Amino acid sequence: MSSPLSKPVQLLAATLAILFFLVGVDWSLRSNPMTPFSGVTPAFVSEWSNNHGVIRNIPAYFILACLGFIAGRNWRQRMVIGIALAAFGGAVEIIQIWLPSRDASVLDALCSWLGIALAWAVCRLGRRALWRWREQKERFRPSKVVTANFETKRSG
């Protein structure tokens, strides 16, 4: 079963995923996590992030995972994307053990994984709804044969 989304939508999702990843890297590389503004991240996003601590991992990984799942062409690719993001979230926390300006936290990793799991559920339900909508749309669309027969009966 192929993806219900067009190639331009998949390309847009992949591009947004890369940009979101770069913002995440920008946040991670700051020497002080309370830095109010950097050149890449908008000020209001940075401010919200600083005020919400661990919880910020849920929407961050949710958005990144949603973009990745949308870009995935089939369930295997989406599964690989989900596993890679989960491994990345865990690796970030492990790497923070050796960074003096950062704190490693199991809760951070759990919130990252929760964001990925929520994205999986939302994208899965969204895809099912999209498929159902397309099936209904096709079911109620008159076929060309019926339309052609109607036209010949009407004119004859």
N, C-alpha and C. Protein backbone atom coordinates (compact mmCIF):
# COMPACT_ATOMS: atom_id res chain seq x y z
N MET A 1 0.85 -1.17 0.00
CA MET A 1 0.00 0.00 0.00
C MET A 1 0.90 1.23 0.00
N SER A 2 0.72 2.08 -0.96
CA SER A 2 1.57 3.26 -1.06
C SER A 2 1.05 4.38 -0.17
N SER A 3 1.85 5.38 -0.01
CA SER A 3 1.50 6.51 0.84
C SER A 3 0.37 7.32 0.21
N PRO A 4 -0.62 7.76 1.01
CA PRO A 4 -1.71 8.55 0.46
C PRO A 4 -1.32 10.00 0.19
N LEU A 5 -0.10 10.37 0.53
CA LEU A 5 0.33 11.75 0.37
C LEU A 5 1.16 11.90 -0.90
N SER A 6 1.05 13.04 -1.52
CA SER A 6 1.77 13.28 -2.75
C SER A 6 3.25 13.54 -2.46
N LYS A 7 4.06 13.43 -3.50
CA LYS A 7 5.50 13.65 -3.35
C LYS A 7 5.84 15.05 -2.83
N PRO A 8 5.17 16.12 -3.30
CA PRO A 8 5.48 17.45 -2.75
C PRO A 8 5.23 17.55 -1.24
N VAL A 9 4.16 16.89 -0.77
CA VAL A 9 3.87 16.92 0.67
C VAL A 9 4.94 16.15 1.43
N GLN A 10 5.37 15.02 0.89
CA GLN A 10 6.43 14.25 1.53
C GLN A 10 7.75 15.04 1.55
N LEU A 11 8.05 15.72 0.45
CA LEU A 11 9.26 16.53 0.39
C LEU A 11 9.20 17.69 1.40
N LEU A 12 8.05 18.32 1.51
CA LEU A 12 7.88 19.39 2.49
C LEU A 12 8.06 18.86 3.91
N ALA A 13 7.48 17.70 4.20
CA ALA A 13 7.62 17.11 5.52
C ALA A 13 9.07 16.78 5.82
N ALA A 14 9.79 16.24 4.85
CA ALA A 14 11.21 15.92 5.05
C ALA A 14 12.02 17.19 5.28
N THR A 15 11.73 18.24 4.53
CA THR A 15 12.44 19.51 4.71
C THR A 15 12.18 20.10 6.09
N LEU A 16 10.92 20.09 6.51
CA LEU A 16 10.58 20.60 7.84
C LEU A 16 11.24 19.75 8.94
N ALA A 17 11.33 18.45 8.73
CA ALA A 17 11.98 17.58 9.71
C ALA A 17 13.46 17.95 9.85
N ILE A 18 14.10 18.22 8.74
CA ILE A 18 15.52 18.62 8.78
C ILE A 18 15.68 19.95 9.49
N LEU A 19 14.82 20.92 9.17
CA LEU A 19 14.89 22.22 9.84
C LEU A 19 14.63 22.10 11.34
N PHE A 20 13.64 21.29 11.70
CA PHE A 20 13.33 21.09 13.12
C PHE A 20 14.50 20.42 13.83
N PHE A 21 15.15 19.47 13.14
CA PHE A 21 16.32 18.81 13.70
C PHE A 21 17.43 19.83 13.94
N LEU A 22 17.63 20.75 13.00
CA LEU A 22 18.67 21.77 13.17
C LEU A 22 18.38 22.68 14.35
N VAL A 23 17.10 23.02 14.56
CA VAL A 23 16.73 23.82 15.73
C VAL A 23 17.04 23.03 17.01
N GLY A 24 16.75 21.73 17.00
CA GLY A 24 17.07 20.88 18.15
C GLY A 24 18.56 20.83 18.43
N VAL A 25 19.34 20.74 17.36
CA VAL A 25 20.80 20.76 17.53
C VAL A 25 21.24 22.11 18.09
N ASP A 26 20.62 23.18 17.59
CA ASP A 26 20.93 24.52 18.10
C ASP A 26 20.67 24.59 19.60
N TRP A 27 19.52 24.07 20.05
CA TRP A 27 19.22 24.07 21.48
C TRP A 27 20.23 23.23 22.25
N SER A 28 20.62 22.09 21.69
CA SER A 28 21.52 21.18 22.39
C SER A 28 22.93 21.73 22.53
N LEU A 29 23.36 22.51 21.56
CA LEU A 29 24.74 22.99 21.56
C LEU A 29 24.94 24.29 22.33
N ARG A 30 23.85 24.86 22.83
CA ARG A 30 24.02 26.08 23.63
C ARG A 30 24.81 25.75 24.89
N SER A 31 25.71 26.62 25.27
CA SER A 31 26.52 26.37 26.46
C SER A 31 25.67 26.42 27.73
N ASN A 32 24.64 27.23 27.71
CA ASN A 32 23.75 27.34 28.86
C ASN A 32 22.32 27.13 28.37
N PRO A 33 21.60 26.13 28.90
CA PRO A 33 20.25 25.89 28.41
C PRO A 33 19.27 27.03 28.67
N MET A 34 19.62 27.96 29.52
CA MET A 34 18.74 29.09 29.80
C MET A 34 19.02 30.30 28.91
N THR A 35 19.84 30.10 27.88
CA THR A 35 20.10 31.18 26.94
C THR A 35 18.77 31.60 26.31
N PRO A 36 18.37 32.85 26.43
CA PRO A 36 17.04 33.24 25.99
C PRO A 36 16.84 33.26 24.48
N PHE A 37 17.89 33.47 23.71
CA PHE A 37 17.69 33.57 22.28
C PHE A 37 18.96 33.21 21.55
N SER A 38 18.79 32.45 20.48
CA SER A 38 19.93 32.17 19.60
C SER A 38 19.53 32.56 18.19
N GLY A 39 20.45 32.52 17.28
CA GLY A 39 20.18 32.98 15.92
C GLY A 39 19.20 32.12 15.14
N VAL A 40 19.07 30.84 15.46
CA VAL A 40 18.23 29.94 14.69
C VAL A 40 16.81 29.86 15.23
N THR A 41 16.67 29.81 16.54
CA THR A 41 15.38 29.58 17.17
C THR A 41 14.65 30.90 17.41
N PRO A 42 13.36 30.99 17.03
CA PRO A 42 12.59 32.21 17.32
C PRO A 42 12.52 32.46 18.83
N ALA A 43 12.46 33.71 19.23
CA ALA A 43 12.49 34.09 20.64
C ALA A 43 11.34 33.46 21.44
N PHE A 44 10.11 33.44 20.89
CA PHE A 44 8.99 32.91 21.66
C PHE A 44 9.13 31.40 21.88
N VAL A 45 9.73 30.70 20.93
CA VAL A 45 9.95 29.25 21.09
C VAL A 45 11.01 29.00 22.15
N SER A 46 12.07 29.79 22.11
CA SER A 46 13.14 29.66 23.09
C SER A 46 12.64 29.97 24.50
N GLU A 47 11.80 31.00 24.60
CA GLU A 47 11.25 31.39 25.91
C GLU A 47 10.36 30.29 26.48
N TRP A 48 9.47 29.72 25.63
CA TRP A 48 8.60 28.63 26.08
C TRP A 48 9.43 27.44 26.51
N SER A 49 10.46 27.13 25.74
CA SER A 49 11.32 25.99 26.04
C SER A 49 12.01 26.15 27.39
N ASN A 50 12.48 27.34 27.66
CA ASN A 50 13.17 27.59 28.93
C ASN A 50 12.22 27.50 30.12
N ASN A 51 10.94 27.80 29.91
CA ASN A 51 9.97 27.81 31.01
C ASN A 51 9.31 26.46 31.27
N HIS A 52 9.49 25.48 30.37
CA HIS A 52 8.77 24.23 30.51
C HIS A 52 9.67 23.00 30.67
N GLY A 53 10.92 23.16 30.86
CA GLY A 53 11.83 22.08 31.22
C GLY A 53 11.65 20.79 30.46
N VAL A 54 11.45 19.71 31.21
CA VAL A 54 11.41 18.36 30.66
C VAL A 54 10.24 18.18 29.69
N ILE A 55 9.14 18.82 29.94
CA ILE A 55 7.94 18.62 29.12
C ILE A 55 8.17 19.06 27.68
N ARG A 56 9.12 19.93 27.45
CA ARG A 56 9.37 20.40 26.08
C ARG A 56 9.79 19.28 25.15
N ASN A 57 10.28 18.17 25.70
CA ASN A 57 10.67 17.05 24.85
C ASN A 57 9.46 16.40 24.17
N ILE A 58 8.31 16.43 24.82
CA ILE A 58 7.13 15.79 24.24
C ILE A 58 6.73 16.48 22.93
N PRO A 59 6.48 17.81 22.92
CA PRO A 59 6.11 18.41 21.63
C PRO A 59 7.27 18.43 20.63
N ALA A 60 8.49 18.53 21.12
CA ALA A 60 9.63 18.56 20.20
C ALA A 60 9.72 17.25 19.42
N TYR A 61 9.71 16.14 20.13
CA TYR A 61 9.80 14.85 19.46
C TYR A 61 8.50 14.50 18.75
N PHE A 62 7.38 14.98 19.24
CA PHE A 62 6.09 14.75 18.56
C PHE A 62 6.12 15.37 17.17
N ILE A 63 6.53 16.63 17.08
CA ILE A 63 6.56 17.32 15.79
C ILE A 63 7.58 16.67 14.87
N LEU A 64 8.77 16.38 15.40
CA LEU A 64 9.81 15.76 14.58
C LEU A 64 9.35 14.39 14.08
N ALA A 65 8.74 13.59 14.95
CA ALA A 65 8.28 12.26 14.55
C ALA A 65 7.13 12.35 13.55
N CYS A 66 6.20 13.29 13.75
CA CYS A 66 5.10 13.45 12.79
C CYS A 66 5.65 13.77 11.40
N LEU A 67 6.59 14.68 11.34
CA LEU A 67 7.18 15.02 10.05
C LEU A 67 7.88 13.81 9.43
N GLY A 68 8.59 13.06 10.25
CA GLY A 68 9.26 11.86 9.75
C GLY A 68 8.27 10.80 9.29
N PHE A 69 7.20 10.61 10.05
CA PHE A 69 6.21 9.60 9.67
C PHE A 69 5.47 10.00 8.40
N ILE A 70 5.22 11.27 8.21
CA ILE A 70 4.58 11.74 6.99
C ILE A 70 5.50 11.52 5.79
N ALA A 71 6.79 11.74 5.99
CA ALA A 71 7.75 11.56 4.90
C ALA A 71 7.97 10.09 4.57
N GLY A 72 7.70 9.19 5.51
CA GLY A 72 7.88 7.76 5.26
C GLY A 72 6.92 7.25 4.21
N ARG A 73 7.42 6.41 3.31
CA ARG A 73 6.61 5.92 2.19
C ARG A 73 5.78 4.70 2.57
N ASN A 74 6.22 3.91 3.54
CA ASN A 74 5.47 2.72 3.95
C ASN A 74 5.69 2.50 5.44
N TRP A 75 5.02 1.48 6.00
CA TRP A 75 5.08 1.28 7.44
C TRP A 75 6.48 0.92 7.90
N ARG A 76 7.26 0.24 7.07
CA ARG A 76 8.64 -0.12 7.47
C ARG A 76 9.51 1.13 7.62
N GLN A 77 9.40 2.03 6.66
CA GLN A 77 10.17 3.27 6.76
C GLN A 77 9.76 4.07 7.97
N ARG A 78 8.46 4.13 8.23
CA ARG A 78 8.00 4.88 9.41
C ARG A 78 8.46 4.22 10.70
N MET A 79 8.51 2.89 10.72
CA MET A 79 9.00 2.17 11.90
C MET A 79 10.49 2.47 12.12
N VAL A 80 11.27 2.46 11.05
CA VAL A 80 12.70 2.78 11.15
C VAL A 80 12.90 4.20 11.65
N ILE A 81 12.09 5.13 11.15
CA ILE A 81 12.17 6.53 11.59
C ILE A 81 11.86 6.62 13.08
N GLY A 82 10.82 5.94 13.53
CA GLY A 82 10.46 5.97 14.95
C GLY A 82 11.55 5.39 15.83
N ILE A 83 12.12 4.25 15.42
CA ILE A 83 13.20 3.63 16.20
C ILE A 83 14.44 4.52 16.20
N ALA A 84 14.76 5.11 15.06
CA ALA A 84 15.93 6.00 14.99
C ALA A 84 15.75 7.21 15.89
N LEU A 85 14.55 7.79 15.91
CA LEU A 85 14.30 8.94 16.78
C LEU A 85 14.37 8.54 18.25
N ALA A 86 13.84 7.38 18.58
CA ALA A 86 13.91 6.91 19.97
C ALA A 86 15.36 6.68 20.39
N ALA A 87 16.16 6.10 19.49
CA ALA A 87 17.58 5.89 19.79
C ALA A 87 18.30 7.23 19.92
N PHE A 88 17.94 8.19 19.07
CA PHE A 88 18.54 9.52 19.14
C PHE A 88 18.21 10.18 20.48
N GLY A 89 16.94 10.09 20.89
CA GLY A 89 16.54 10.68 22.17
C GLY A 89 17.30 10.07 23.34
N GLY A 90 17.49 8.76 23.32
CA GLY A 90 18.26 8.09 24.37
C GLY A 90 19.73 8.46 24.31
N ALA A 91 20.27 8.53 23.09
CA ALA A 91 21.69 8.86 22.93
C ALA A 91 22.00 10.28 23.41
N VAL A 92 21.08 11.20 23.15
CA VAL A 92 21.28 12.58 23.62
C VAL A 92 21.42 12.61 25.14
N GLU A 93 20.57 11.85 25.82
CA GLU A 93 20.65 11.82 27.28
C GLU A 93 21.93 11.15 27.77
N ILE A 94 22.37 10.12 27.09
CA ILE A 94 23.62 9.45 27.48
C ILE A 94 24.81 10.37 27.26
N ILE A 95 24.82 11.08 26.14
CA ILE A 95 25.92 12.02 25.85
C ILE A 95 25.97 13.14 26.88
N GLN A 96 24.81 13.53 27.41
CA GLN A 96 24.78 14.62 28.37
C GLN A 96 25.44 14.25 29.70
N ILE A 97 25.69 12.98 29.92
CA ILE A 97 26.42 12.57 31.13
C ILE A 97 27.79 13.23 31.17
N TRP A 98 28.43 13.36 30.01
CA TRP A 98 29.80 13.89 29.94
C TRP A 98 29.86 15.38 29.62
N LEU A 99 28.74 16.04 29.48
CA LEU A 99 28.73 17.48 29.23
C LEU A 99 28.52 18.22 30.54
N PRO A 100 29.48 19.03 30.96
CA PRO A 100 29.36 19.69 32.26
C PRO A 100 28.21 20.69 32.34
N SER A 101 27.81 21.28 31.23
CA SER A 101 26.74 22.28 31.27
C SER A 101 25.35 21.66 31.11
N ARG A 102 25.26 20.34 30.95
CA ARG A 102 23.98 19.68 30.73
C ARG A 102 23.76 18.60 31.80
N ASP A 103 22.50 18.23 32.02
CA ASP A 103 22.15 17.17 32.96
C ASP A 103 21.46 16.04 32.22
N ALA A 104 21.93 14.83 32.40
CA ALA A 104 21.27 13.67 31.82
C ALA A 104 20.09 13.29 32.71
N SER A 105 19.00 12.88 32.09
CA SER A 105 17.81 12.55 32.85
C SER A 105 17.03 11.44 32.15
N VAL A 106 16.63 10.44 32.92
CA VAL A 106 15.78 9.38 32.37
C VAL A 106 14.42 9.96 32.02
N LEU A 107 13.95 10.92 32.79
CA LEU A 107 12.65 11.55 32.51
C LEU A 107 12.66 12.27 31.16
N ASP A 108 13.79 12.89 30.81
CA ASP A 108 13.92 13.52 29.49
C ASP A 108 13.74 12.48 28.38
N ALA A 109 14.42 11.35 28.52
CA ALA A 109 14.32 10.29 27.50
C ALA A 109 12.89 9.76 27.43
N LEU A 110 12.26 9.56 28.59
CA LEU A 110 10.88 9.06 28.60
C LEU A 110 9.92 10.04 27.92
N CYS A 111 10.12 11.34 28.16
CA CYS A 111 9.27 12.35 27.50
C CYS A 111 9.51 12.36 25.99
N SER A 112 10.76 12.15 25.59
CA SER A 112 11.06 12.06 24.15
C SER A 112 10.32 10.89 23.54
N TRP A 113 10.38 9.74 24.20
CA TRP A 113 9.73 8.53 23.68
C TRP A 113 8.21 8.68 23.70
N LEU A 114 7.68 9.38 24.69
CA LEU A 114 6.24 9.63 24.74
C LEU A 114 5.81 10.48 23.55
N GLY A 115 6.59 11.50 23.23
CA GLY A 115 6.29 12.33 22.06
C GLY A 115 6.28 11.52 20.77
N ILE A 116 7.22 10.59 20.63
CA ILE A 116 7.28 9.73 19.45
C ILE A 116 6.07 8.80 19.40
N ALA A 117 5.72 8.21 20.55
CA ALA A 117 4.56 7.30 20.60
C ALA A 117 3.26 8.04 20.28
N LEU A 118 3.10 9.25 20.80
CA LEU A 118 1.91 10.04 20.49
C LEU A 118 1.85 10.38 19.00
N ALA A 119 2.99 10.72 18.43
CA ALA A 119 3.04 11.03 16.99
C ALA A 119 2.67 9.80 16.17
N TRP A 120 3.16 8.63 16.58
CA TRP A 120 2.82 7.40 15.87
C TRP A 120 1.30 7.19 15.87
N ALA A 121 0.69 7.36 17.03
CA ALA A 121 -0.76 7.15 17.15
C ALA A 121 -1.53 8.18 16.31
N VAL A 122 -1.15 9.44 16.41
CA VAL A 122 -1.86 10.49 15.67
C VAL A 122 -1.70 10.30 14.17
N CYS A 123 -0.49 10.01 13.72
CA CYS A 123 -0.26 9.82 12.28
C CYS A 123 -0.97 8.57 11.77
N ARG A 124 -0.99 7.53 12.57
CA ARG A 124 -1.68 6.29 12.17
C ARG A 124 -3.19 6.55 12.02
N LEU A 125 -3.78 7.23 13.01
CA LEU A 125 -5.20 7.54 12.93
C LEU A 125 -5.48 8.51 11.78
N GLY A 126 -4.59 9.46 11.58
CA GLY A 126 -4.75 10.42 10.48
C GLY A 126 -4.71 9.74 9.12
N ARG A 127 -3.80 8.79 8.96
CA ARG A 127 -3.71 8.06 7.69
C ARG A 127 -4.96 7.23 7.45
N ARG A 128 -5.44 6.57 8.50
CA ARG A 128 -6.67 5.78 8.35
C ARG A 128 -7.84 6.67 7.96
N ALA A 129 -7.95 7.82 8.62
CA ALA A 129 -9.05 8.75 8.30
C ALA A 129 -8.92 9.24 6.85
N LEU A 130 -7.71 9.51 6.41
CA LEU A 130 -7.49 9.96 5.04
C LEU A 130 -7.88 8.87 4.05
N TRP A 131 -7.49 7.63 4.32
CA TRP A 131 -7.86 6.52 3.43
C TRP A 131 -9.38 6.35 3.38
N ARG A 132 -10.04 6.42 4.53
CA ARG A 132 -11.51 6.28 4.56
C ARG A 132 -12.18 7.40 3.77
N TRP A 133 -11.68 8.61 3.94
CA TRP A 133 -12.24 9.74 3.23
C TRP A 133 -12.08 9.56 1.72
N ARG A 134 -10.90 9.10 1.29
CA ARG A 134 -10.67 8.87 -0.14
C ARG A 134 -11.56 7.75 -0.68
N GLU A 135 -11.75 6.69 0.12
CA GLU A 135 -12.62 5.59 -0.32
C GLU A 135 -14.06 6.08 -0.47
N GLN A 136 -14.54 6.87 0.49
CA GLN A 136 -15.90 7.41 0.40
C GLN A 136 -16.04 8.33 -0.80
N LYS A 137 -15.04 9.12 -1.05
CA LYS A 137 -15.06 10.04 -2.17
C LYS A 137 -15.14 9.26 -3.48
N GLU A 138 -14.37 8.17 -3.59
CA GLU A 138 -14.41 7.34 -4.78
C GLU A 138 -15.75 6.61 -4.92
N ARG A 139 -16.32 6.19 -3.81
CA ARG A 139 -17.56 5.44 -3.83
C ARG A 139 -18.72 6.30 -4.36
N PHE A 140 -18.72 7.58 -4.03
CA PHE A 140 -19.82 8.45 -4.42
C PHE A 140 -19.56 9.20 -5.72
N ARG A 141 -18.40 8.99 -6.32
CA ARG A 141 -18.11 9.65 -7.59
C ARG A 141 -18.73 8.82 -8.72
N PRO A 142 -19.53 9.43 -9.58
CA PRO A 142 -20.12 8.65 -10.67
C PRO A 142 -19.04 8.21 -11.65
N SER A 143 -19.14 6.98 -12.11
CA SER A 143 -18.14 6.47 -13.04
C SER A 143 -18.39 7.05 -14.43
N LYS A 144 -17.39 6.94 -15.28
CA LYS A 144 -17.50 7.48 -16.64
C LYS A 144 -18.53 6.69 -17.45
N VAL A 145 -18.62 5.40 -17.19
CA VAL A 145 -19.58 4.57 -17.93
C VAL A 145 -20.99 5.01 -17.62
N VAL A 146 -21.30 5.21 -16.34
CA VAL A 146 -22.64 5.65 -15.95
C VAL A 146 -22.94 7.01 -16.54
N THR A 147 -21.99 7.91 -16.50
CA THR A 147 -22.18 9.25 -17.03
C THR A 147 -22.39 9.19 -18.54
N ALA A 148 -21.61 8.36 -19.24
CA ALA A 148 -21.76 8.25 -20.69
C ALA A 148 -23.11 7.65 -21.04
N ASN A 149 -23.56 6.63 -20.33
CA ASN A 149 -24.87 6.03 -20.59
C ASN A 149 -25.98 7.04 -20.33
N PHE A 150 -25.84 7.83 -19.29
CA PHE A 150 -26.85 8.83 -18.98
C PHE A 150 -26.95 9.86 -20.11
N GLU A 151 -25.79 10.27 -20.61
CA GLU A 151 -25.77 11.28 -21.67
C GLU A 151 -26.41 10.73 -22.96
N THR A 152 -26.12 9.46 -23.30
CA THR A 152 -26.69 8.92 -24.53
C THR A 152 -28.20 8.70 -24.39
N LYS A 153 -28.67 8.32 -23.21
CA LYS A 153 -30.10 8.13 -23.00
C LYS A 153 -30.84 9.46 -23.03
N ARG A 154 -30.22 10.47 -22.47
CA ARG A 154 -30.85 11.78 -22.40
C ARG A 154 -30.97 12.41 -23.80
N SER A 155 -29.94 12.28 -24.59
CA SER A 155 -29.96 12.92 -25.91
C SER A 155 -30.75 12.09 -26.94
N GLY A 156 -30.92 10.80 -26.70
CA GLY A 156 -31.60 9.92 -27.67
C GLY A 156 -33.02 9.78 -27.43
